[in-house]
Amino acid sequence: MGARRMSATIGGAWLAAEGLEETLSEDLRRRGVTIERWHGQLALSSHPAVYSPWALDIWLEPECVPVASIRAAADTLRARQRNWSLYAATCFGRARLVEERLPPVKAAALVFPTSPPSSPLGAWTLLDPETLLFSARKSSPFPNGSPRFVENRTGPPSRAYLKLWEACTRLGRWPEPGALCYDLGATPGGWTWALATLKTRVDAFDRAPLAPAVAAMKNVRFHQASAFGLEPSTLERADWVFSDIIAYPQRLLRLAQRWIDTQQTRNMVLTVKFQGETDHETVSAFEAIPGGALAHLAHNKHELTFFWSETAAKEGVSPLPGWTGQPQPVSG
């Protein structure tokens, strides 16, 4: 379908992570959305925007307009608001010339811990040299849904800590100094390191030992135990439970539900990892948990991150800010 013929019918646009286009397509199909065109990794549909946890970014109010020149494209965007991020899938040179006419967007690397940007940020792309697609509102506060951090290349034993940094930044909150955190399946200790640097009390559980430098951190206690063998009711009530463990999604679902049912944590952040086919049924089960939400982070692979908070469950809201559209039920 050509850009011009589709221009009046684009109701939603979803940005897929590289390699997960089919996973996003399957998830949207279960929510009643048919993708009618791909523009690079941007899925376009006449269906209004609905939430999909597999989208890095969702364009909530896409508009498609003809533009006769580079200046016309820039003027169209500038007339709507100040801050715009480019998604370039084609017409790269022309898109860069349009971008040069727009106010610069400060996308400097973030120093964690920090709150996500609060200024409105829109997204735009050129479908062809004379067709501009844009949305003044989108689900992620970051360009193309991808935050960048000032990395620590000496302390953590792996780069997995970036996933935790992104998760907490997306939440807009993180454990405070002195908070009790459990890291389930902690080895080699990237998440334990990230939590300990926040001056929290970290209890790390795993069958295998932590990296020595992480185990030596004064606010870290290591327990040689299986994350799935723990009985939450026998432990001190946690402020936060974290896990980046490799496990079948259904098994992780049971673990999450056990911690929630026993009321032994106030907050939870878990990585749901998929091997082979995506388990959409378990995704739906996670989404059905009151006070919970799923999202695909820029640092996730074939994974989703599950967020849950006791407060959100009591108030009947999502713990994850940023989505302002209407949720869409999943069909079988």
Protein backbone atom coordinates (compact mmCIF):
# COMPACT_ATOMS: atom_id res chain seq x y z
CA MET A 1 0.00 0.00 0.00
CA GLY A 2 1.44 3.36 -0.98
CA ALA A 3 2.04 6.12 1.53
CA ARG A 4 -0.43 8.48 -0.10
CA ARG A 5 -3.27 5.96 -0.19
CA MET A 6 -2.73 5.04 3.44
CA SER A 7 -2.16 8.60 4.68
CA ALA A 8 -5.74 9.20 5.78
CA THR A 9 -6.11 5.86 7.54
CA ILE A 10 -3.10 5.58 9.86
CA GLY A 11 -4.51 5.30 13.36
CA GLY A 12 -1.60 3.74 15.24
CA ALA A 13 2.14 3.21 14.86
CA TRP A 14 4.29 0.84 16.92
CA LEU A 15 8.09 0.73 16.88
CA ALA A 16 9.47 -2.80 17.13
CA ALA A 17 12.88 -3.75 18.47
CA GLU A 18 15.19 -5.16 15.83
CA GLY A 19 14.46 -8.83 15.28
CA LEU A 20 11.15 -8.75 17.16
CA GLU A 21 8.91 -7.46 14.37
CA GLU A 22 7.01 -10.74 14.07
CA THR A 23 6.59 -10.97 17.84
CA LEU A 24 5.07 -7.49 17.90
CA SER A 25 2.86 -8.37 14.94
CA GLU A 26 1.58 -11.50 16.69
CA ASP A 27 0.87 -9.59 19.89
CA LEU A 28 -1.03 -6.84 18.07
CA ARG A 29 -3.01 -9.43 16.13
CA ARG A 30 -4.15 -10.92 19.46
CA ARG A 31 -5.34 -7.44 20.43
CA GLY A 32 -7.39 -7.05 17.27
CA VAL A 33 -4.86 -4.98 15.33
CA THR A 34 -3.81 -5.82 11.79
CA ILE A 35 -0.55 -4.29 10.60
CA GLU A 36 -1.12 -2.94 7.10
CA ARG A 37 2.39 -1.73 6.37
CA TRP A 38 5.90 -1.81 7.80
CA HIS A 39 8.04 1.31 7.52
CA GLY A 40 11.38 -0.07 8.61
CA GLN A 41 10.66 -1.30 12.14
CA LEU A 42 7.59 0.94 12.47
CA ALA A 43 4.32 -0.97 12.19
CA LEU A 44 1.44 1.05 10.74
CA SER A 45 -2.26 0.30 11.02
CA SER A 46 -5.60 2.00 10.53
CA HIS A 47 -6.53 0.71 14.00
CA PRO A 48 -6.20 3.31 16.79
CA ALA A 49 -3.15 2.99 19.03
CA VAL A 50 -3.44 0.30 21.71
CA TYR A 51 -0.80 -0.83 24.16
CA SER A 52 1.54 -3.65 23.26
CA PRO A 53 4.34 -4.52 25.69
CA TRP A 54 6.51 -5.57 22.72
CA ALA A 55 6.67 -2.04 21.28
CA LEU A 56 9.69 0.09 22.15
CA ASP A 57 7.57 3.15 21.44
CA ILE A 58 3.95 3.77 20.46
CA TRP A 59 2.88 6.79 18.43
CA LEU A 60 -0.43 7.69 20.05
CA GLU A 61 -1.83 10.23 17.57
CA PRO A 62 -0.17 9.69 14.17
CA GLU A 63 -0.86 12.25 11.45
CA CYS A 64 0.16 11.96 7.82
CA VAL A 65 0.46 15.09 5.66
CA PRO A 66 1.91 15.91 2.24
CA VAL A 67 4.96 18.22 2.30
CA ALA A 68 6.26 19.93 -0.82
CA SER A 69 9.70 20.74 0.58
CA ILE A 70 12.17 20.22 3.37
CA ARG A 71 11.19 23.58 4.80
CA ALA A 72 7.49 22.69 4.71
CA ALA A 73 8.15 19.50 6.66
CA ALA A 74 10.13 21.36 9.33
CA ASP A 75 7.56 24.17 9.53
CA THR A 76 4.75 21.64 10.01
CA LEU A 77 6.52 20.11 12.99
CA ARG A 78 7.67 23.41 14.52
CA ALA A 79 4.13 24.77 14.37
CA ARG A 80 2.91 21.88 16.50
CA GLN A 81 5.51 21.81 19.32
CA ARG A 82 9.22 22.21 20.03
CA ASN A 83 10.72 18.77 20.66
CA TRP A 84 10.80 16.06 18.00
CA SER A 85 12.76 12.84 17.51
CA LEU A 86 13.43 11.37 14.07
CA TYR A 87 12.83 7.77 13.12
CA ALA A 88 14.68 7.39 9.82
CA ALA A 89 13.79 4.34 7.71
CA THR A 90 14.13 5.86 4.24
CA CYS A 91 14.93 9.21 2.59
CA PHE A 92 17.84 9.47 5.02
CA GLY A 93 19.51 12.54 3.53
CA ARG A 94 16.27 14.48 3.19
CA ALA A 95 15.22 13.53 6.73
CA ARG A 96 18.53 14.83 8.12
CA LEU A 97 18.02 18.13 6.32
CA VAL A 98 14.57 18.43 7.90
CA GLU A 99 16.05 17.58 11.29
CA GLU A 100 18.64 20.34 10.94
CA ARG A 101 15.80 22.89 10.71
CA LEU A 102 14.26 21.71 13.99
CA PRO A 103 15.31 22.81 17.49
CA PRO A 104 17.95 20.38 18.82
CA VAL A 105 16.74 17.74 21.27
CA LYS A 106 19.06 17.21 24.21
CA ALA A 107 19.52 13.45 24.28
CA ALA A 108 22.68 13.32 26.35
CA ALA A 109 23.54 10.09 28.11
CA LEU A 110 21.76 9.79 31.46
CA VAL A 111 23.58 9.54 34.77
CA PHE A 112 21.66 7.00 36.87
CA PRO A 113 19.70 7.45 39.07
CA THR A 114 17.68 10.07 37.28
CA SER A 115 14.07 10.70 36.36
CA PRO A 116 13.03 10.36 32.71
CA PRO A 117 12.66 13.55 30.65
CA SER A 118 9.40 15.36 31.36
CA SER A 119 9.23 17.68 28.33
CA PRO A 120 6.80 16.56 25.59
CA LEU A 121 8.61 14.68 22.83
CA GLY A 122 7.05 13.83 19.50
CA ALA A 123 8.23 11.46 16.78
CA TRP A 124 8.32 11.80 13.01
CA THR A 125 9.48 10.09 9.83
CA LEU A 126 9.32 10.51 6.07
CA LEU A 127 7.27 7.79 4.40
CA ASP A 128 8.52 9.10 1.06
CA PRO A 129 10.12 12.42 -0.04
CA GLU A 130 6.74 14.18 -0.01
CA THR A 131 4.90 12.47 2.86
CA LEU A 132 5.46 13.31 6.52
CA LEU A 133 4.19 11.01 9.27
CA PHE A 134 4.34 12.36 12.82
CA SER A 135 2.80 12.06 16.27
CA ALA A 136 2.99 14.81 18.88
CA ARG A 137 2.36 12.25 21.62
CA LYS A 138 4.05 8.91 22.14
CA SER A 139 4.41 6.36 24.92
CA SER A 140 8.16 6.67 25.60
CA PRO A 141 9.91 9.84 26.79
CA PHE A 142 13.05 8.74 24.91
CA PRO A 143 13.90 9.06 21.20
CA ASN A 144 12.73 5.83 19.55
CA GLY A 145 12.14 4.38 23.02
CA SER A 146 15.86 3.99 23.74
CA PRO A 147 17.57 5.77 26.66
CA ARG A 148 21.36 5.99 26.80
CA PHE A 149 23.31 5.89 30.06
CA VAL A 150 26.77 6.91 31.15
CA GLU A 151 28.07 3.38 31.67
CA ASN A 152 30.26 2.03 34.43
CA ARG A 153 32.88 -0.16 32.76
CA THR A 154 34.83 -1.16 35.87
CA GLY A 155 32.42 -2.04 38.71
CA PRO A 156 29.75 -4.45 37.46
CA PRO A 157 30.62 -7.98 36.27
CA SER A 158 28.37 -7.70 33.21
CA ARG A 159 26.32 -5.13 31.30
CA ALA A 160 23.06 -6.59 32.62
CA TYR A 161 22.91 -3.73 35.14
CA LEU A 162 21.80 -1.44 32.30
CA LYS A 163 18.52 -3.34 32.18
CA LEU A 164 17.87 -2.52 35.83
CA TRP A 165 18.87 1.11 35.31
CA GLU A 166 16.45 1.40 32.40
CA ALA A 167 13.66 -0.31 34.34
CA CYS A 168 13.96 2.06 37.29
CA THR A 169 14.23 5.08 34.98
CA ARG A 170 11.06 4.02 33.19
CA LEU A 171 9.35 3.70 36.57
CA GLY A 172 10.65 7.11 37.60
CA ARG A 173 11.68 5.68 40.97
CA TRP A 174 14.21 3.28 42.48
CA PRO A 175 15.12 1.81 45.86
CA GLU A 176 16.09 4.41 48.43
CA PRO A 177 19.15 4.11 50.68
CA GLY A 178 18.52 1.51 53.36
CA ALA A 179 15.73 -0.24 51.45
CA LEU A 180 15.75 -4.03 51.65
CA CYS A 181 16.15 -5.55 48.18
CA TYR A 182 16.15 -9.21 47.18
CA ASP A 183 17.98 -10.17 43.98
CA LEU A 184 16.76 -13.61 42.92
CA GLY A 185 19.12 -15.56 40.68
CA ALA A 186 21.74 -12.89 41.21
CA THR A 187 24.94 -14.43 39.79
CA PRO A 188 27.25 -13.03 38.51
CA GLY A 189 25.89 -9.95 40.28
CA GLY A 190 25.21 -7.14 37.82
CA TRP A 191 21.85 -6.28 39.37
CA THR A 192 23.18 -6.79 42.90
CA TRP A 193 25.98 -4.35 42.12
CA ALA A 194 23.52 -1.78 40.72
CA LEU A 195 21.32 -2.05 43.84
CA ALA A 196 24.26 -1.91 46.25
CA THR A 197 25.55 1.29 44.64
CA LEU A 198 22.22 2.87 45.60
CA LYS A 199 23.18 2.19 49.24
CA THR A 200 20.40 -0.33 49.71
CA ARG A 201 20.60 -3.57 51.71
CA VAL A 202 20.85 -6.36 49.16
CA ASP A 203 20.20 -10.04 49.83
CA ALA A 204 21.40 -11.97 46.76
CA PHE A 205 20.15 -15.53 46.19
CA ASP A 206 21.70 -18.02 43.76
CA ARG A 207 23.12 -21.52 43.63
CA ALA A 208 26.38 -20.21 42.16
CA PRO A 209 28.57 -17.61 43.92
CA LEU A 210 28.64 -13.92 43.08
CA ALA A 211 31.60 -12.30 41.41
CA PRO A 212 34.11 -11.71 44.26
CA ALA A 213 34.11 -7.92 43.94
CA VAL A 214 30.31 -7.81 44.23
CA ALA A 215 30.21 -10.29 47.12
CA ALA A 216 32.70 -8.07 48.97
CA MET A 217 30.45 -4.99 48.89
CA LYS A 218 29.62 -4.18 52.49
CA ASN A 219 25.84 -3.92 52.01
CA VAL A 220 25.54 -7.24 50.14
CA ARG A 221 24.65 -10.57 51.77
CA PHE A 222 24.88 -13.68 49.64
CA HIS A 223 22.67 -16.74 50.20
CA GLN A 224 23.46 -19.95 48.32
CA ALA A 225 19.90 -20.95 47.52
CA SER A 226 17.58 -21.41 44.57
CA ALA A 227 15.30 -18.47 43.85
CA PHE A 228 12.46 -20.93 43.24
CA GLY A 229 13.05 -22.79 46.48
CA LEU A 230 12.55 -19.75 48.68
CA GLU A 231 9.49 -19.48 50.87
CA PRO A 232 8.72 -15.72 50.98
CA SER A 233 6.77 -15.98 54.25
CA THR A 234 9.95 -17.08 56.07
CA LEU A 235 11.90 -13.97 54.95
CA GLU A 236 11.84 -10.39 56.10
CA ARG A 237 9.33 -8.36 54.11
CA ALA A 238 11.19 -6.72 51.22
CA ASP A 239 10.85 -3.24 49.83
CA TRP A 240 11.83 -4.53 46.38
CA VAL A 241 12.22 -7.94 44.73
CA PHE A 242 14.34 -8.03 41.56
CA SER A 243 15.18 -10.90 39.24
CA ASP A 244 16.96 -11.31 35.91
CA ILE A 245 17.02 -15.08 36.20
CA ILE A 246 16.81 -17.43 33.21
CA ALA A 247 13.59 -19.40 33.67
CA TYR A 248 10.57 -20.60 31.77
CA PRO A 249 7.95 -17.79 31.74
CA GLN A 250 5.30 -19.95 33.43
CA ARG A 251 7.67 -20.78 36.26
CA LEU A 252 8.51 -17.12 36.73
CA LEU A 253 4.80 -16.30 36.72
CA ARG A 254 4.26 -18.70 39.62
CA LEU A 255 7.20 -17.15 41.47
CA ALA A 256 5.79 -13.64 41.02
CA GLN A 257 2.34 -14.70 42.15
CA ARG A 258 3.76 -16.39 45.26
CA TRP A 259 5.52 -13.19 46.34
CA ILE A 260 2.39 -11.14 45.70
CA ASP A 261 0.06 -13.59 47.46
CA THR A 262 2.25 -13.70 50.56
CA GLN A 263 2.45 -9.88 50.63
CA GLN A 264 6.18 -10.11 51.24
CA THR A 265 7.26 -7.29 48.93
CA ARG A 266 6.13 -3.76 48.14
CA ASN A 267 7.62 -3.66 44.63
CA MET A 268 8.82 -6.12 42.03
CA VAL A 269 10.87 -5.92 38.81
CA LEU A 270 11.39 -9.20 36.94
CA THR A 271 12.74 -10.08 33.50
CA VAL A 272 10.46 -12.50 31.64
CA LYS A 273 12.69 -14.40 29.21
CA PHE A 274 11.48 -16.37 26.21
CA GLN A 275 13.33 -19.21 24.54
CA GLY A 276 12.17 -20.13 21.06
CA GLU A 277 8.52 -19.25 20.54
CA THR A 278 6.94 -16.38 22.45
CA ASP A 279 4.55 -17.62 25.15
CA HIS A 280 1.72 -15.16 24.52
CA GLU A 281 -0.59 -16.92 26.98
CA THR A 282 1.82 -16.29 29.84
CA VAL A 283 2.24 -12.69 28.70
CA SER A 284 -1.52 -12.32 29.06
CA ALA A 285 -1.40 -13.90 32.52
CA PHE A 286 1.25 -11.43 33.67
CA GLU A 287 -0.81 -8.54 32.28
CA ALA A 288 -3.86 -9.72 34.21
CA ILE A 289 -2.11 -9.31 37.60
CA PRO A 290 -3.57 -6.26 39.39
CA GLY A 291 -0.90 -3.61 39.91
CA GLY A 292 1.35 -5.11 37.25
CA ALA A 293 2.55 -4.08 33.81
CA LEU A 294 4.86 -5.40 31.11
CA ALA A 295 7.21 -3.49 28.82
CA HIS A 296 9.96 -4.25 26.35
CA LEU A 297 13.04 -2.26 27.32
CA ALA A 298 15.70 -1.14 24.88
CA HIS A 299 18.17 -3.35 26.77
CA ASN A 300 15.90 -6.40 26.62
CA LYS A 301 16.45 -9.13 24.06
CA HIS A 302 13.61 -11.62 23.50
CA GLU A 303 12.35 -10.53 26.90
CA LEU A 304 9.81 -8.39 28.66
CA THR A 305 10.17 -6.66 32.02
CA PHE A 306 7.40 -7.15 34.57
CA PHE A 307 6.71 -4.28 36.97
CA TRP A 308 4.48 -4.60 40.02
CA SER A 309 3.79 -2.42 43.03
CA GLU A 310 1.60 -2.88 46.06
CA THR A 311 0.39 0.71 45.80
CA ALA A 312 -0.64 0.32 42.16
CA ALA A 313 -2.52 -2.87 43.02
CA LYS A 314 -4.46 -1.13 45.78
CA GLU A 315 -5.26 1.87 43.60
CA GLY A 316 -6.14 -0.19 40.54
CA VAL A 317 -3.64 1.54 38.26
CA SER A 318 -0.55 0.62 36.28
CA PRO A 319 2.79 1.00 38.07
CA LEU A 320 4.38 2.13 34.80
CA PRO A 321 3.92 5.77 33.74
CA GLY A 322 3.90 6.93 30.14
CA TRP A 323 0.96 5.14 28.56
CA THR A 324 -2.09 7.39 28.22
CA GLY A 325 -4.14 5.43 25.70
CA GLN A 326 -6.82 2.84 26.34
CA PRO A 327 -5.77 -0.72 27.16
CA GLN A 328 -6.93 -3.38 24.73
CA PRO A 329 -7.99 -6.84 25.90
CA VAL A 330 -6.19 -9.82 24.43
CA SER A 331 -8.22 -12.37 22.51
CA GLY A 332 -7.39 -16.05 22.38
